[in-house]
Amino acid sequence: MNWINRYIDHPLLDGAAASLRKWHAYTGLRPAGLEPAWNILVLFFVLVMSGRFLQGYALILSVAAIIMLALPSAARLVSELWGDGKTYGAREYKALRARALSNRETQWTLRLMVLIAAACLPFFAHITDPTGAAFMLGASLWFVLTVPFKVYLDAAEPPTPGSGDRAFRGQIQFG
């Protein structure tokens, strides 16, 4: 059990924390905006692939499903980009850090179960209809690429509030 934590869980948590830090440093936005941005990027990839392999009513149905999946993330991202009056400060950092610590300690089995389900899901779905198989493959890709990412982002250490300040990004710091 210790090797699972050492070689699987902790590196993924460190990677999620590093991606949150990079997101905050690059965009200057709160870390909560990374998950909807990733979801939209994955859905765009699925949209391009469905346009490549589907046609007719199946394509229209899959595009409608992808748009319905993207709307909540797009609304969250737009509200994050255009601002809703909240800034990322010490209070929000402490709340995110407490929630991440709680998630890290209590939900490690859930994270591992999600990883196992994400790895096995494409093999469970055997559909003989080509359109249904393409739809299930797209749904599996969406699940595999977004759900483990969200679970690990929820348990990752959030970036410090000053690391994404746009006033300090242009300065060169040594040491």
Protein backbone atom coordinates (compact mmCIF):
# COMPACT_ATOMS: atom_id res chain seq x y z
CA MET A 1 0.00 0.00 0.00
CA ASN A 2 2.90 2.32 0.74
CA TRP A 3 4.30 1.93 -2.77
CA ILE A 4 0.93 2.97 -4.27
CA ASN A 5 1.05 6.20 -2.29
CA ARG A 6 4.74 6.75 -3.04
CA TYR A 7 4.82 5.95 -6.76
CA ILE A 8 1.29 6.71 -7.98
CA ASP A 9 -0.66 9.02 -5.69
CA HIS A 10 2.01 11.49 -4.56
CA PRO A 11 3.52 12.09 -8.04
CA LEU A 12 0.04 12.75 -9.43
CA LEU A 13 -0.71 15.13 -6.54
CA ASP A 14 2.60 16.91 -7.14
CA GLY A 15 1.81 17.19 -10.84
CA ALA A 16 -1.63 18.62 -10.09
CA ALA A 17 -0.11 21.15 -7.67
CA ALA A 18 2.51 22.13 -10.27
CA SER A 19 -0.19 22.60 -12.91
CA LEU A 20 -2.19 24.80 -10.51
CA ARG A 21 0.92 26.89 -9.82
CA LYS A 22 1.67 27.25 -13.54
CA TRP A 23 -1.95 28.17 -14.31
CA HIS A 24 -2.00 30.80 -11.58
CA ALA A 25 1.41 32.20 -12.52
CA TYR A 26 0.66 32.30 -16.24
CA THR A 27 -2.90 33.64 -16.17
CA GLY A 28 -3.06 35.40 -12.81
CA LEU A 29 -6.48 33.83 -12.27
CA ARG A 30 -7.71 31.77 -9.37
CA PRO A 31 -6.84 28.07 -9.45
CA ALA A 32 -10.52 27.16 -9.82
CA GLY A 33 -10.36 28.21 -13.48
CA LEU A 34 -8.00 25.42 -14.52
CA GLU A 35 -10.53 22.59 -14.33
CA PRO A 36 -13.13 24.17 -16.66
CA ALA A 37 -10.39 25.24 -19.08
CA TRP A 38 -9.08 21.66 -19.20
CA ASN A 39 -12.60 20.31 -19.64
CA ILE A 40 -13.21 22.63 -22.60
CA LEU A 41 -9.86 21.66 -24.15
CA VAL A 42 -10.68 17.95 -23.86
CA LEU A 43 -14.17 18.50 -25.27
CA PHE A 44 -12.68 20.43 -28.20
CA PHE A 45 -10.41 17.45 -28.89
CA VAL A 46 -13.42 15.09 -28.76
CA LEU A 47 -15.34 17.47 -31.05
CA VAL A 48 -12.53 17.45 -33.62
CA MET A 49 -12.30 13.66 -33.48
CA SER A 50 -16.07 13.24 -33.83
CA GLY A 51 -16.01 15.57 -36.84
CA ARG A 52 -13.31 13.41 -38.32
CA PHE A 53 -15.02 10.04 -37.81
CA LEU A 54 -18.78 10.71 -37.70
CA GLN A 55 -21.18 12.12 -40.26
CA GLY A 56 -24.86 12.90 -40.65
CA TYR A 57 -27.23 12.64 -37.69
CA ALA A 58 -24.61 10.93 -35.53
CA LEU A 59 -22.34 13.97 -35.94
CA ILE A 60 -25.19 16.36 -35.10
CA LEU A 61 -26.08 14.33 -32.01
CA SER A 62 -22.48 14.15 -30.81
CA VAL A 63 -21.91 17.89 -31.38
CA ALA A 64 -25.08 18.66 -29.39
CA ALA A 65 -23.90 16.38 -26.56
CA ILE A 66 -20.45 17.99 -26.54
CA ILE A 67 -21.96 21.48 -26.43
CA MET A 68 -24.19 20.46 -23.52
CA LEU A 69 -21.15 19.10 -21.68
CA ALA A 70 -19.15 22.27 -22.38
CA LEU A 71 -21.77 24.83 -21.32
CA PRO A 72 -21.27 24.59 -17.52
CA SER A 73 -17.49 24.75 -17.88
CA ALA A 74 -17.72 27.65 -20.29
CA ALA A 75 -19.99 29.55 -17.90
CA ARG A 76 -17.57 28.98 -15.02
CA LEU A 77 -14.60 30.01 -17.14
CA VAL A 78 -16.30 33.15 -18.45
CA SER A 79 -17.29 34.20 -14.95
CA GLU A 80 -13.68 33.59 -13.89
CA LEU A 81 -12.22 35.56 -16.80
CA TRP A 82 -14.56 38.52 -16.63
CA GLY A 83 -14.42 38.57 -12.88
CA ASP A 84 -17.16 38.17 -10.39
CA GLY A 85 -15.67 40.54 -7.84
CA LYS A 86 -13.59 37.90 -6.03
CA THR A 87 -9.83 38.05 -5.86
CA TYR A 88 -7.51 35.24 -4.94
CA GLY A 89 -6.16 36.24 -1.58
CA ALA A 90 -5.06 34.75 1.71
CA ARG A 91 -8.60 33.87 2.82
CA GLU A 92 -9.39 31.87 -0.33
CA TYR A 93 -5.92 30.28 -0.24
CA LYS A 94 -6.46 29.08 3.34
CA ALA A 95 -9.89 27.70 2.49
CA LEU A 96 -8.57 25.88 -0.60
CA ARG A 97 -5.61 24.54 1.32
CA ALA A 98 -7.81 23.20 4.14
CA ARG A 99 -10.16 21.57 1.62
CA ALA A 100 -7.21 20.09 -0.30
CA LEU A 101 -5.69 18.69 2.89
CA SER A 102 -9.01 17.15 3.86
CA ASN A 103 -9.42 15.65 0.37
CA ARG A 104 -5.85 14.39 0.38
CA GLU A 105 -6.27 12.57 3.68
CA THR A 106 -9.79 11.20 3.33
CA GLN A 107 -10.25 10.53 -0.39
CA TRP A 108 -7.10 8.72 -1.45
CA THR A 109 -9.01 5.48 -2.08
CA LEU A 110 -11.51 7.38 -4.21
CA ARG A 111 -8.65 8.82 -6.28
CA LEU A 112 -7.20 5.37 -6.85
CA MET A 113 -10.60 3.91 -7.73
CA VAL A 114 -11.12 6.70 -10.28
CA LEU A 115 -7.72 5.94 -11.81
CA ILE A 116 -8.55 2.23 -12.06
CA ALA A 117 -11.98 2.96 -13.54
CA ALA A 118 -10.47 5.40 -16.03
CA ALA A 119 -7.90 2.82 -17.10
CA CYS A 120 -10.48 0.03 -17.48
CA LEU A 121 -13.44 1.95 -18.94
CA PRO A 122 -12.42 1.76 -22.62
CA PHE A 123 -12.13 -2.02 -22.33
CA PHE A 124 -15.54 -2.54 -20.71
CA ALA A 125 -17.58 -1.02 -23.52
CA HIS A 126 -17.95 -3.40 -26.44
CA ILE A 127 -20.57 -2.14 -28.87
CA THR A 128 -21.14 -3.63 -32.30
CA ASP A 129 -22.81 -0.53 -33.79
CA PRO A 130 -20.04 1.69 -35.26
CA THR A 131 -21.82 4.93 -34.35
CA GLY A 132 -22.47 3.78 -30.79
CA ALA A 133 -18.89 2.56 -30.51
CA ALA A 134 -17.58 5.96 -31.64
CA PHE A 135 -19.87 7.74 -29.18
CA MET A 136 -18.76 5.44 -26.34
CA LEU A 137 -15.11 5.94 -27.27
CA GLY A 138 -15.57 9.72 -27.11
CA ALA A 139 -17.36 9.44 -23.76
CA SER A 140 -14.58 7.20 -22.45
CA LEU A 141 -11.92 9.65 -23.60
CA TRP A 142 -13.76 12.51 -21.93
CA PHE A 143 -14.07 10.54 -18.68
CA VAL A 144 -10.46 9.35 -18.72
CA LEU A 145 -9.06 12.83 -19.36
CA THR A 146 -11.28 14.92 -17.08
CA VAL A 147 -12.43 12.99 -14.02
CA PRO A 148 -9.00 11.95 -12.64
CA PHE A 149 -7.73 15.47 -13.39
CA LYS A 150 -10.54 17.03 -11.35
CA VAL A 151 -10.13 14.60 -8.46
CA TYR A 152 -6.41 15.29 -8.23
CA LEU A 153 -6.86 19.06 -8.61
CA ASP A 154 -9.26 19.01 -5.67
CA ALA A 155 -6.62 17.34 -3.49
CA ALA A 156 -3.60 19.30 -4.74
CA GLU A 157 -1.84 22.05 -2.83
CA PRO A 158 -3.11 25.42 -4.14
CA PRO A 159 -0.64 28.10 -5.25
CA THR A 160 0.20 30.97 -2.95
CA PRO A 161 -1.80 34.14 -3.63
CA GLY A 162 1.14 36.35 -4.66
CA SER A 163 2.59 33.96 -7.24
CA GLY A 164 0.14 35.03 -9.95
CA ASP A 165 0.20 38.76 -9.33
CA ARG A 166 0.52 40.47 -12.71
CA ALA A 167 2.51 43.35 -11.20
CA PHE A 168 5.35 41.01 -10.23
CA ARG A 169 5.42 38.76 -13.29
CA GLY A 170 7.50 41.14 -15.41
CA GLN A 171 10.30 41.45 -12.89
CA ILE A 172 13.36 39.25 -13.05
CA GLN A 173 14.23 37.70 -9.72
CA PHE A 174 17.55 36.02 -8.99
CA GLY A 175 18.09 33.54 -6.19
